[in-house]
């Protein structure tokens, strides 16, 4: 692998790490109400997905 190719791989990895860190920072800055609302929304989404999976399996 050439130096340019290796450099591109390193840059992509660093951008990915920066993206994950940014998302985690934003998540930690949410108020408790927003966290609860997100949790409830995620719960309903998961329940809906499970219902769809069980209906499709029949």
C-alpha atoms as a PDB file:
ATOM      1  CA  UNK A   1       0.000   0.000   0.000  1.00  0.00           C
ATOM      2  CA  UNK A   2       1.367   3.363  -0.933  1.00  0.00           C
ATOM      3  CA  UNK A   3       1.823   6.184   1.530  1.00  0.00           C
ATOM      4  CA  UNK A   4      -1.132   8.030   0.023  1.00  0.00           C
ATOM      5  CA  UNK A   5      -3.422   5.038   0.486  1.00  0.00           C
ATOM      6  CA  UNK A   6      -2.295   4.565   4.072  1.00  0.00           C
ATOM      7  CA  UNK A   7      -2.849   8.257   4.762  1.00  0.00           C
ATOM      8  CA  UNK A   8      -6.403   8.054   3.386  1.00  0.00           C
ATOM      9  CA  UNK A   9      -7.182   5.071   5.647  1.00  0.00           C
ATOM     10  CA  UNK A  10      -5.851   6.926   8.682  1.00  0.00           C
ATOM     11  CA  UNK A  11      -7.888  10.054   7.838  1.00  0.00           C
ATOM     12  CA  UNK A  12     -11.094   8.005   7.418  1.00  0.00           C
ATOM     13  CA  UNK A  13     -10.535   6.316  10.783  1.00  0.00           C
ATOM     14  CA  UNK A  14      -9.870   9.653  12.502  1.00  0.00           C
ATOM     15  CA  UNK A  15     -12.992  11.220  10.993  1.00  0.00           C
ATOM     16  CA  UNK A  16     -15.039   8.252  12.219  1.00  0.00           C
ATOM     17  CA  UNK A  17     -13.631   8.559  15.734  1.00  0.00           C
ATOM     18  CA  UNK A  18     -14.338  12.305  15.735  1.00  0.00           C
ATOM     19  CA  UNK A  19     -17.919  11.642  14.625  1.00  0.00           C
ATOM     20  CA  UNK A  20     -18.499   9.150  17.439  1.00  0.00           C
ATOM     21  CA  UNK A  21     -17.041  11.527  20.010  1.00  0.00           C
ATOM     22  CA  UNK A  22     -19.255  14.356  18.741  1.00  0.00           C
ATOM     23  CA  UNK A  23     -22.384  12.213  18.982  1.00  0.00           C
ATOM     24  CA  UNK A  24     -21.516  11.107  22.518  1.00  0.00           C
ATOM     25  CA  UNK A  25     -20.884  14.710  23.566  1.00  0.00           C
ATOM     26  CA  UNK A  26     -24.220  15.848  22.165  1.00  0.00           C
ATOM     27  CA  UNK A  27     -25.980  12.962  23.920  1.00  0.00           C
ATOM     28  CA  UNK A  28     -24.428  13.920  27.251  1.00  0.00           C
ATOM     29  CA  UNK A  29     -25.621  17.521  26.864  1.00  0.00           C
ATOM     30  CA  UNK A  30     -29.304  16.567  26.665  1.00  0.00           C
ATOM     31  CA  UNK A  31     -31.618  17.448  29.505  1.00  0.00           C
ATOM     32  CA  UNK A  32     -33.155  14.620  31.567  1.00  0.00           C
ATOM     33  CA  UNK A  33     -36.522  15.253  29.884  1.00  0.00           C
ATOM     34  CA  UNK A  34     -35.015  14.828  26.432  1.00  0.00           C
ATOM     35  CA  UNK A  35     -33.285  11.631  27.507  1.00  0.00           C
ATOM     36  CA  UNK A  36     -36.553  10.200  28.828  1.00  0.00           C
ATOM     37  CA  UNK A  37     -38.418  11.191  25.653  1.00  0.00           C
ATOM     38  CA  UNK A  38     -35.725   9.567  23.500  1.00  0.00           C
ATOM     39  CA  UNK A  39     -35.910   6.400  25.602  1.00  0.00           C
ATOM     40  CA  UNK A  40     -39.686   6.195  25.266  1.00  0.00           C
ATOM     41  CA  UNK A  41     -39.478   6.790  21.526  1.00  0.00           C
ATOM     42  CA  UNK A  42     -36.815   4.098  21.162  1.00  0.00           C
ATOM     43  CA  UNK A  43     -38.919   1.655  23.210  1.00  0.00           C
ATOM     44  CA  UNK A  44     -41.974   2.119  20.987  1.00  0.00           C
ATOM     45  CA  UNK A  45     -39.800   1.741  17.891  1.00  0.00           C
ATOM     46  CA  UNK A  46     -38.347  -1.532  19.196  1.00  0.00           C
ATOM     47  CA  UNK A  47     -41.804  -2.859  20.089  1.00  0.00           C
ATOM     48  CA  UNK A  48     -43.024  -2.028  16.597  1.00  0.00           C
ATOM     49  CA  UNK A  49     -40.021  -3.778  15.051  1.00  0.00           C
ATOM     50  CA  UNK A  50     -40.655  -6.911  17.120  1.00  0.00           C
ATOM     51  CA  UNK A  51     -44.323  -6.957  16.116  1.00  0.00           C
ATOM     52  CA  UNK A  52     -43.350  -6.609  12.448  1.00  0.00           C
ATOM     53  CA  UNK A  53     -40.803  -9.419  12.772  1.00  0.00           C
ATOM     54  CA  UNK A  54     -43.347 -11.758  14.336  1.00  0.00           C
ATOM     55  CA  UNK A  55     -46.039 -10.930  11.753  1.00  0.00           C
ATOM     56  CA  UNK A  56     -43.592 -11.466   8.882  1.00  0.00           C
ATOM     57  CA  UNK A  57     -42.421 -14.796  10.308  1.00  0.00           C
ATOM     58  CA  UNK A  58     -45.888 -16.334   9.938  1.00  0.00           C
END
